[in-house]
């Protein structure tokens, strides 16, 4: 695989910094732009694979087009265009990542294809954080991807709202594979009859919740599953991953309070993957579908099916891990 890389040595910093939280101010910075037949579908990014190029988002390209003088200069200055093999690209990223920089270090020089280039400290940090890595060490051993479905209606939500689907995927942080699945439909106690709207939204029909256990029994079964999977071992680090804060900040605590149930401590901390996605792209997504589309991931199953949503959220999680993002807790019941 070979990549055409366009390099320009002037103030493209404003473009690059827009994708990295507006913190880069060095004037002489190397920026790579992947030349493809369709400029409008590609953006500035440090990655050699086509399906990963859109990570930062189209906002960068729109910003790039506005800088007409820079764009014209790039087009006319053919000496700044050369072909970079994937091997040389990897070598470039490795050289950047291996360097050590002091606080006052702003730039350094590095050679690619016999060209001596000025590289900003911010670009070096970007290479460290954004280059695809399958071996990056995460802060957790396992990610527990969770997405509840609950009773609902079109006009007003039932009171209390009750969980009717309880799915969790155990994603191995090292292999980036799903090791195990917990999936249980739940029979609501206070509003046992599902509304037509709820069935149309979630795909859950009445027969799927009839004769199923109530939430207290499901929570006990889930705790036993956690134990059997070794997730209660103090040496094993695991954390829930949700698409938003609603599942563990609102839905489960509220229903447990209503039922006078104690909430297990492991439910009090989680990763809101929307916030993690925003850390990478500097754009906060409206929902799961936006993340899938922007990461060029295919949606699988039915939207608002709990188990299918878990698989799609897991795919977003894995895609961000493959880009070298290190996940951290960003949700807390007490905050």
Protein backbone atom coordinates (compact mmCIF):
# COMPACT_ATOMS: atom_id res chain seq x y z
CA UNK A 1 0.00 0.00 0.00
CA UNK A 2 1.38 3.42 -0.99
CA UNK A 3 0.09 6.78 0.06
CA UNK A 4 0.39 10.11 -1.69
CA UNK A 5 1.27 12.66 0.95
CA UNK A 6 1.16 16.41 0.42
CA UNK A 7 3.40 18.43 2.72
CA UNK A 8 3.22 22.16 3.23
CA UNK A 9 5.44 24.11 5.59
CA UNK A 10 3.39 27.23 6.33
CA UNK A 11 0.62 27.99 8.77
CA UNK A 12 -1.62 24.97 8.39
CA UNK A 13 -1.51 24.86 12.18
CA UNK A 14 -4.98 26.38 12.42
CA UNK A 15 -6.35 23.47 10.41
CA UNK A 16 -4.56 20.77 12.37
CA UNK A 17 -5.29 22.32 15.77
CA UNK A 18 -9.02 22.35 15.03
CA UNK A 19 -8.88 18.56 15.26
CA UNK A 20 -6.76 18.61 18.40
CA UNK A 21 -8.56 20.96 20.78
CA UNK A 22 -7.12 24.22 19.44
CA UNK A 23 -3.89 24.02 21.39
CA UNK A 24 -1.26 24.08 18.64
CA UNK A 25 0.29 27.46 17.82
CA UNK A 26 3.63 26.66 16.20
CA UNK A 27 4.04 28.47 12.89
CA UNK A 28 6.30 26.03 11.06
CA UNK A 29 4.61 22.67 11.23
CA UNK A 30 4.57 19.70 8.90
CA UNK A 31 1.07 18.56 7.99
CA UNK A 32 0.17 15.58 5.84
CA UNK A 33 -2.80 15.62 3.50
CA UNK A 34 -3.76 12.39 1.80
CA UNK A 35 -4.31 13.03 -1.91
CA UNK A 36 -7.23 11.01 -3.21
CA UNK A 37 -9.60 11.32 -6.12
CA UNK A 38 -12.32 12.63 -3.83
CA UNK A 39 -10.88 15.41 -1.68
CA UNK A 40 -14.24 16.16 -0.12
CA UNK A 41 -14.52 12.77 1.55
CA UNK A 42 -11.06 12.81 3.09
CA UNK A 43 -9.46 14.93 5.78
CA UNK A 44 -6.18 15.56 7.55
CA UNK A 45 -5.24 12.60 9.72
CA UNK A 46 -2.29 10.51 10.85
CA UNK A 47 -3.29 7.08 9.61
CA UNK A 48 -2.45 4.97 6.55
CA UNK A 49 -5.80 3.23 6.09
CA UNK A 50 -8.61 4.66 4.01
CA UNK A 51 -11.39 3.68 6.42
CA UNK A 52 -9.59 5.54 9.20
CA UNK A 53 -8.95 8.79 7.36
CA UNK A 54 -12.30 10.37 8.21
CA UNK A 55 -11.64 10.16 11.95
CA UNK A 56 -11.12 13.85 12.61
CA UNK A 57 -14.15 14.82 10.54
CA UNK A 58 -15.18 16.89 7.57
CA UNK A 59 -14.93 20.09 9.60
CA UNK A 60 -11.18 20.12 8.98
CA UNK A 61 -11.64 19.90 5.25
CA UNK A 62 -14.15 22.73 5.26
CA UNK A 63 -11.63 24.80 7.21
CA UNK A 64 -8.91 23.81 4.76
CA UNK A 65 -10.97 24.96 1.77
CA UNK A 66 -11.45 28.38 3.35
CA UNK A 67 -7.68 28.92 3.43
CA UNK A 68 -7.60 29.54 -0.32
CA UNK A 69 -4.06 30.92 -0.48
CA UNK A 70 -2.69 27.90 1.34
CA UNK A 71 -4.72 25.56 -0.85
CA UNK A 72 -3.51 27.24 -4.05
CA UNK A 73 0.08 27.12 -2.85
CA UNK A 74 -0.24 23.41 -2.09
CA UNK A 75 -1.65 22.72 -5.53
CA UNK A 76 1.01 24.69 -7.37
CA UNK A 77 4.03 23.57 -5.37
CA UNK A 78 4.52 20.10 -6.85
CA UNK A 79 7.85 19.66 -5.10
CA UNK A 80 5.94 19.16 -1.87
CA UNK A 81 4.14 16.07 -3.16
CA UNK A 82 5.79 12.67 -2.94
CA UNK A 83 4.86 9.05 -2.36
CA UNK A 84 5.26 7.59 1.12
CA UNK A 85 5.07 3.83 1.55
CA UNK A 86 3.22 2.35 4.51
CA UNK A 87 6.56 1.09 5.83
CA UNK A 88 8.09 4.57 5.70
CA UNK A 89 4.92 5.99 7.25
CA UNK A 90 5.20 3.55 10.15
CA UNK A 91 8.87 4.43 10.50
CA UNK A 92 7.95 8.11 10.56
CA UNK A 93 5.40 7.56 13.37
CA UNK A 94 7.84 5.38 15.28
CA UNK A 95 10.54 8.04 15.10
CA UNK A 96 8.13 10.66 16.36
CA UNK A 97 6.82 8.49 19.17
CA UNK A 98 10.31 7.47 20.30
CA UNK A 99 11.52 11.04 20.80
CA UNK A 100 11.56 12.67 24.20
CA UNK A 101 10.68 16.33 24.55
CA UNK A 102 11.04 18.84 27.33
CA UNK A 103 8.29 21.29 28.21
CA UNK A 104 9.85 24.10 26.19
CA UNK A 105 10.57 21.93 23.15
CA UNK A 106 8.51 23.28 20.26
CA UNK A 107 9.82 21.54 17.16
CA UNK A 108 12.38 19.09 15.83
CA UNK A 109 13.59 17.89 12.46
CA UNK A 110 13.10 14.48 10.94
CA UNK A 111 14.02 13.01 7.57
CA UNK A 112 11.57 11.30 5.21
CA UNK A 113 12.45 10.39 1.64
CA UNK A 114 15.63 12.49 1.95
CA UNK A 115 13.62 15.57 2.89
CA UNK A 116 14.54 17.29 6.13
CA UNK A 117 11.26 18.44 7.68
CA UNK A 118 10.35 20.60 10.64
CA UNK A 119 7.96 18.75 12.93
CA UNK A 120 6.00 20.45 15.70
CA UNK A 121 5.69 19.04 19.18
CA UNK A 122 1.93 18.94 18.75
CA UNK A 123 2.24 16.76 15.66
CA UNK A 124 4.51 14.42 17.59
CA UNK A 125 1.91 14.10 20.35
CA UNK A 126 -0.76 13.53 17.70
CA UNK A 127 1.31 10.74 16.16
CA UNK A 128 1.59 9.13 19.57
CA UNK A 129 -2.13 9.32 20.27
CA UNK A 130 -3.61 8.76 16.83
CA UNK A 131 -1.53 6.19 14.99
CA UNK A 132 -3.26 2.80 14.79
CA UNK A 133 -1.96 0.43 17.45
CA UNK A 134 -3.34 -2.94 18.43
CA UNK A 135 -0.86 -3.39 21.25
CA UNK A 136 -1.54 -0.17 23.16
CA UNK A 137 -1.94 -0.81 26.87
CA UNK A 138 -5.36 0.20 28.15
CA UNK A 139 -6.18 1.19 31.72
CA UNK A 140 -8.65 -1.69 31.94
CA UNK A 141 -8.54 -5.41 31.23
CA UNK A 142 -12.15 -5.59 30.08
CA UNK A 143 -14.82 -3.20 28.84
CA UNK A 144 -18.42 -4.09 29.69
CA UNK A 145 -20.56 -2.58 26.95
CA UNK A 146 -24.07 -2.01 28.28
CA UNK A 147 -27.24 -0.61 26.72
CA UNK A 148 -30.60 -0.91 28.50
CA UNK A 149 -33.98 -0.76 26.86
CA UNK A 150 -36.89 0.36 29.02
CA UNK A 151 -40.65 0.75 28.99
CA UNK A 152 -41.69 3.87 27.12
CA UNK A 153 -44.54 5.61 25.37
CA UNK A 154 -44.83 8.28 22.72
CA UNK A 155 -46.64 10.96 24.71
CA UNK A 156 -45.49 10.47 28.32
CA UNK A 157 -43.11 7.96 29.88
CA UNK A 158 -44.65 5.43 32.29
CA UNK A 159 -43.94 6.06 35.95
CA UNK A 160 -41.85 4.29 37.00
CA UNK A 161 -39.94 3.51 33.83
CA UNK A 162 -38.62 -0.07 33.94
CA UNK A 163 -35.76 -1.92 32.26
CA UNK A 164 -37.00 -4.58 29.82
CA UNK A 165 -33.69 -5.60 28.19
CA UNK A 166 -30.39 -6.02 30.03
CA UNK A 167 -27.47 -6.78 27.64
CA UNK A 168 -23.74 -6.60 28.38
CA UNK A 169 -20.79 -7.51 26.15
CA UNK A 170 -17.44 -8.33 27.77
CA UNK A 171 -14.81 -6.87 25.44
CA UNK A 172 -11.21 -7.95 25.96
CA UNK A 173 -8.97 -4.85 25.93
CA UNK A 174 -5.99 -6.87 24.66
CA UNK A 175 -7.56 -8.91 21.88
CA UNK A 176 -10.32 -6.35 21.14
CA UNK A 177 -12.77 -9.25 20.86
CA UNK A 178 -16.03 -10.03 22.65
CA UNK A 179 -15.20 -12.75 25.17
CA UNK A 180 -18.64 -13.26 26.69
CA UNK A 181 -22.23 -11.96 26.58
CA UNK A 182 -24.86 -11.49 29.25
CA UNK A 183 -28.31 -10.95 27.78
CA UNK A 184 -31.61 -11.09 29.60
CA UNK A 185 -35.09 -9.73 28.90
CA UNK A 186 -36.82 -8.38 31.99
CA UNK A 187 -40.50 -8.50 32.93
CA UNK A 188 -41.71 -5.10 34.16
CA UNK A 189 -43.51 -5.22 37.50
CA UNK A 190 -45.58 -2.03 37.55
CA UNK A 191 -46.50 -1.69 33.86
CA UNK A 192 -46.30 -5.27 32.58
CA UNK A 193 -48.06 -4.51 29.29
CA UNK A 194 -45.72 -2.99 26.68
CA UNK A 195 -47.05 -0.11 24.63
CA UNK A 196 -47.28 -0.25 20.86
CA UNK A 197 -44.74 2.57 20.67
CA UNK A 198 -42.27 0.63 22.84
CA UNK A 199 -42.53 -2.45 20.62
CA UNK A 200 -42.13 -0.40 17.44
CA UNK A 201 -39.08 1.40 18.86
CA UNK A 202 -37.21 -1.52 20.43
CA UNK A 203 -38.53 -4.53 18.52
CA UNK A 204 -39.39 -6.15 21.87
CA UNK A 205 -42.80 -7.80 21.75
CA UNK A 206 -44.92 -8.77 24.73
CA UNK A 207 -44.05 -12.47 24.48
CA UNK A 208 -40.34 -11.62 24.89
CA UNK A 209 -40.87 -10.21 28.40
CA UNK A 210 -43.73 -12.39 29.61
CA UNK A 211 -42.54 -15.13 31.96
CA UNK A 212 -39.11 -13.47 32.24
CA UNK A 213 -37.60 -12.64 35.64
CA UNK A 214 -38.11 -9.25 37.28
CA UNK A 215 -35.18 -6.87 37.71
CA UNK A 216 -34.10 -8.07 41.22
CA UNK A 217 -33.61 -11.60 39.89
CA UNK A 218 -31.83 -10.32 36.77
CA UNK A 219 -29.43 -8.25 38.87
CA UNK A 220 -28.64 -11.35 40.92
CA UNK A 221 -28.02 -13.37 37.76
CA UNK A 222 -25.82 -10.62 36.40
CA UNK A 223 -23.77 -10.53 39.61
CA UNK A 224 -23.26 -14.30 39.32
CA UNK A 225 -22.18 -13.82 35.69
CA UNK A 226 -19.70 -11.14 36.78
CA UNK A 227 -18.28 -13.58 39.32
CA UNK A 228 -18.07 -16.49 36.87
CA UNK A 229 -16.24 -14.26 34.35
CA UNK A 230 -13.64 -13.27 36.95
CA UNK A 231 -14.75 -9.65 36.86
CA UNK A 232 -15.11 -9.41 40.64
CA UNK A 233 -11.47 -10.36 41.17
CA UNK A 234 -9.71 -7.29 42.65
CA UNK A 235 -6.78 -7.92 40.29
CA UNK A 236 -9.03 -7.60 37.23
CA UNK A 237 -9.84 -4.10 36.07
CA UNK A 238 -13.12 -3.67 34.24
CA UNK A 239 -15.51 -0.81 33.56
CA UNK A 240 -18.86 -0.33 31.90
CA UNK A 241 -19.13 1.46 28.55
CA UNK A 242 -22.37 3.22 27.63
CA UNK A 243 -23.57 5.50 24.85
CA UNK A 244 -24.49 8.43 27.09
CA UNK A 245 -24.97 8.63 30.85
CA UNK A 246 -28.66 7.69 31.00
CA UNK A 247 -28.24 3.94 31.58
CA UNK A 248 -26.17 4.09 34.77
CA UNK A 249 -26.73 7.63 35.98
CA UNK A 250 -30.51 7.70 35.61
CA UNK A 251 -32.31 4.51 34.61
CA UNK A 252 -30.78 1.82 36.82
CA UNK A 253 -30.33 3.95 39.99
CA UNK A 254 -33.87 5.33 39.70
CA UNK A 255 -35.44 1.89 39.33
CA UNK A 256 -33.33 0.44 42.14
CA UNK A 257 -34.41 3.27 44.41
CA UNK A 258 -38.05 2.65 43.51
CA UNK A 259 -37.66 -1.07 44.24
CA UNK A 260 -35.56 -0.39 47.37
CA UNK A 261 -32.63 -2.34 45.98
CA UNK A 262 -28.97 -1.73 46.81
CA UNK A 263 -26.84 -0.76 43.82
CA UNK A 264 -23.63 -2.74 43.37
CA UNK A 265 -20.51 -0.51 43.51
CA UNK A 266 -19.40 -1.60 40.04
CA UNK A 267 -22.41 0.22 38.57
CA UNK A 268 -21.25 3.63 39.88
CA UNK A 269 -18.44 4.28 37.38
CA UNK A 270 -18.43 4.03 33.62
CA UNK A 271 -17.13 5.31 30.30
CA UNK A 272 -19.51 7.43 28.24
CA UNK A 273 -18.21 6.62 24.77
CA UNK A 274 -19.61 9.87 23.39
CA UNK A 275 -17.12 11.76 25.57
CA UNK A 276 -14.29 9.44 24.49
CA UNK A 277 -15.20 9.99 20.83
CA UNK A 278 -15.18 13.74 21.46
CA UNK A 279 -11.68 13.46 23.00
CA UNK A 280 -10.46 12.02 19.70
CA UNK A 281 -12.39 14.16 17.23
CA UNK A 282 -13.11 17.37 19.22
CA UNK A 283 -16.74 16.96 18.13
CA UNK A 284 -19.39 15.72 20.59
CA UNK A 285 -21.68 13.26 18.74
CA UNK A 286 -25.45 13.39 18.96
CA UNK A 287 -25.71 9.63 19.09
CA UNK A 288 -24.39 6.22 18.16
CA UNK A 289 -25.30 6.47 14.48
CA UNK A 290 -23.20 9.63 14.08
CA UNK A 291 -20.15 7.89 15.52
CA UNK A 292 -20.64 4.85 13.29
CA UNK A 293 -21.01 7.01 10.18
CA UNK A 294 -18.00 9.22 10.93
CA UNK A 295 -15.83 6.19 11.69
CA UNK A 296 -17.00 4.46 8.51
CA UNK A 297 -18.44 1.57 10.52
CA UNK A 298 -21.44 -0.38 9.27
CA UNK A 299 -24.47 -0.42 11.53
CA UNK A 300 -25.45 -3.97 12.46
CA UNK A 301 -28.85 -5.21 13.57
CA UNK A 302 -31.72 -3.02 14.68
CA UNK A 303 -31.32 0.43 16.20
CA UNK A 304 -32.75 0.52 19.77
CA UNK A 305 -32.41 -3.22 20.18
CA UNK A 306 -30.30 -3.37 23.33
CA UNK A 307 -28.11 -6.27 22.27
CA UNK A 308 -27.62 -4.89 18.75
CA UNK A 309 -26.78 -1.44 20.11
CA UNK A 310 -24.18 -3.09 22.37
CA UNK A 311 -22.50 -4.66 19.35
CA UNK A 312 -22.43 -1.32 17.53
CA UNK A 313 -21.09 0.53 20.58
CA UNK A 314 -18.44 -2.19 20.92
CA UNK A 315 -17.42 -1.58 17.31
CA UNK A 316 -16.96 2.12 18.05
CA UNK A 317 -14.96 1.20 21.17
CA UNK A 318 -12.71 -1.13 19.18
CA UNK A 319 -12.25 1.40 16.37
CA UNK A 320 -11.03 4.02 18.85
CA UNK A 321 -8.73 1.46 20.50
CA UNK A 322 -7.27 0.61 17.10
CA UNK A 323 -6.39 4.27 16.70
CA UNK A 324 -4.39 4.15 19.90
CA UNK A 325 -6.89 5.97 22.12
CA UNK A 326 -6.48 5.07 25.80
CA UNK A 327 -9.84 4.99 27.52
CA UNK A 328 -10.42 6.52 30.91
CA UNK A 329 -13.41 6.71 33.22
CA UNK A 330 -15.53 9.77 32.50
CA UNK A 331 -18.85 8.90 34.16
CA UNK A 332 -19.61 8.75 37.86
CA UNK A 333 -22.87 8.33 39.76
CA UNK A 334 -21.72 10.75 42.46
CA UNK A 335 -20.72 13.58 40.14
